Amino acid sequence: MAQMPFRLNGSIKSGEWIESNNVIRLNPSQCFNPTCLASNPGSLDSCQRCGSALQLAGRYRAAHTIGSGGFSSTFKAIDEHRLNTPCVIKQFLPQQQDDPTHQKAVDLFRQEAVLLRDLGHHPQIPDLMAFLEQDGRLYIVQEYIQGLNLLQSFRQRGRFDEDDIEQMLKSLLPVLQFIHNHQVIHRDIKPSNIVCKSDGTLVLIDFGSSHQSYTQLFDRRTPRTATPGYASPEQMQGQAYPASDLFSLGLTCFRLLTGCFPDDRGIDPLFNESQQWCWQPHAQSLSPKFRAVFERLLQTDLKHRYASAQEVLEDLAISQNSLPNPSHASFQTRTGPDYAYLEGLLAEHRYQDADSETWRLLLEMTHRTEEGALSLTAIEALSPLDLLALDDLWVTYSQGRFGLRVQHQCYQALGGTATFDFALWHTFAEQVGWCRDRHWLNYAELTFDLTAPMGHLPTCCMNVLNRQGSELGVCGWWRLGFVALMERLQTV
């Protein structure tokens, strides 16, 4: 993984655990009894306080607890039968037997072991070492992944760059495709659940929230185990799909790339004061390539999100060939239109000139300059990547107020679809300010500054006479052309 400074020092020796620069000696040895958890000399076989065995199956010895919550506790440990090889022990902590969630929790714990058994042969997923019962308690013993998780890495090094994120996606998306092909959904992808080994390999850990999506035992409405701030909207409502993992991975990457993490007060910069999802304003410094990918990864509407990890990988490959290097200041594509002039107009808030330039670019992209008008056939042939790059400029330089996607969100919020509904179209036009008191405005009556309603621009009136000040036609988009443009954008 490019420029990922994860290098661990030292090695494992008998009787001690070396992790990074810290040496953790297995003295004392921690008791597994949840009502005791006493520390004992590492040479003992039984706890001095409660008499419980300090080894599982006569070989696995805990160093100390590293986490607890829900129905389990986790220990760092060693396998004494394998030259003190480090491992992780997860202990199931049963609730009262009459608790209605008890059996579900038992089933989930057993299934986690089954998942590790079935998936752990993948080099980027921890392997199952043992599943056992001792003193009436269940345990999973799994491979210990030595390294920093990505949250720890972020705290040490700061923001990741786009090269890091691209390598991260190309490393982890095949892992997600692998688990999804096995009908498994991870359901808890976040920086702390991705570990980078000393050789740079990324490993996806903690399958405790995972479930097989098509078993009789579980359906999609399993008890919510999502992590707020990373889980998709549908997962927060108790439903999980493969695309839910893609949303979480996308949000993980976006936070690492932009540094947008919740602060100590729990205030999340990716949500506004009304607790509405608003990541786009934080994407202004990103290249069009990455904005295009995040636009689909972070869709709250499942229907508009990537459906598979393979689709994301394909888009990354396409974007790399057709969009500019992130280090370039301009949004100009290598083979498509030159957006430099439009970018300059928008940066200077010359919105009427920018609207005219947008129309010129659309005609150029569809080879309709001579005709001076668009057609449905021409719109359907538009490059969605070029269209998205153009729209990115509007969204970025208007601070999220103007742009085709902003208009589409307003249209969808009213229930707008591709089906003709004049009353709804009229309501939409009133909302974005193209129509006032049931009177369609002339082009010259539009507001070409940031005081205009959300989604007011661009309009790029289809009727040339109207653009010149005539009362003919209407000032807004031709409705069928508008819907066709939205459909092209959604194919990115």
Foldseek 3Di string as FASTA:
>chain_A
DPPQPWAADDDDAAQWDGARPDIQGPAFWFDPPPVDRDTHGNVDQADPPPGHGQADVVFKIFRHWDDDDDFWTKTWIFGRVVRRAIKMKIKGHADDPPPPCRVVLVVLVVVVLVCLCVLVVPPQEWHWDDWDDDPRITMTIIHDAGIQFQVVSCVVPNADAPVVLVVVLVQCQVVLQVVVVVQKAQQEDARRQWGQHNVRHIHGYDSSVMDRDDDPVDHQQPPQPHDPQQFAPVSVVRGDASLRNLLSSLSRNLCRHQVQDQDPVRDGPQADPVRHGHCLQSCLLFALLSVLLSVQSNDSDPVLHDRGSVVSVVSNVVCVVWFDDSVDPARQTPPADGCPVLLVCLLVLVQVVNLVVVLCRLCVQLVNVVVSFDDLVSLLPGQLSVQSSSQSSVCHSLVRQEGLVQLVVLLVVLVHDLDDDPVSVQVSCVQQVQADPNHGDQQVPQDSGSVGGRHVDDASDRDVVSNVPDPPDGRHHPVNSSNSNVVSNSVD
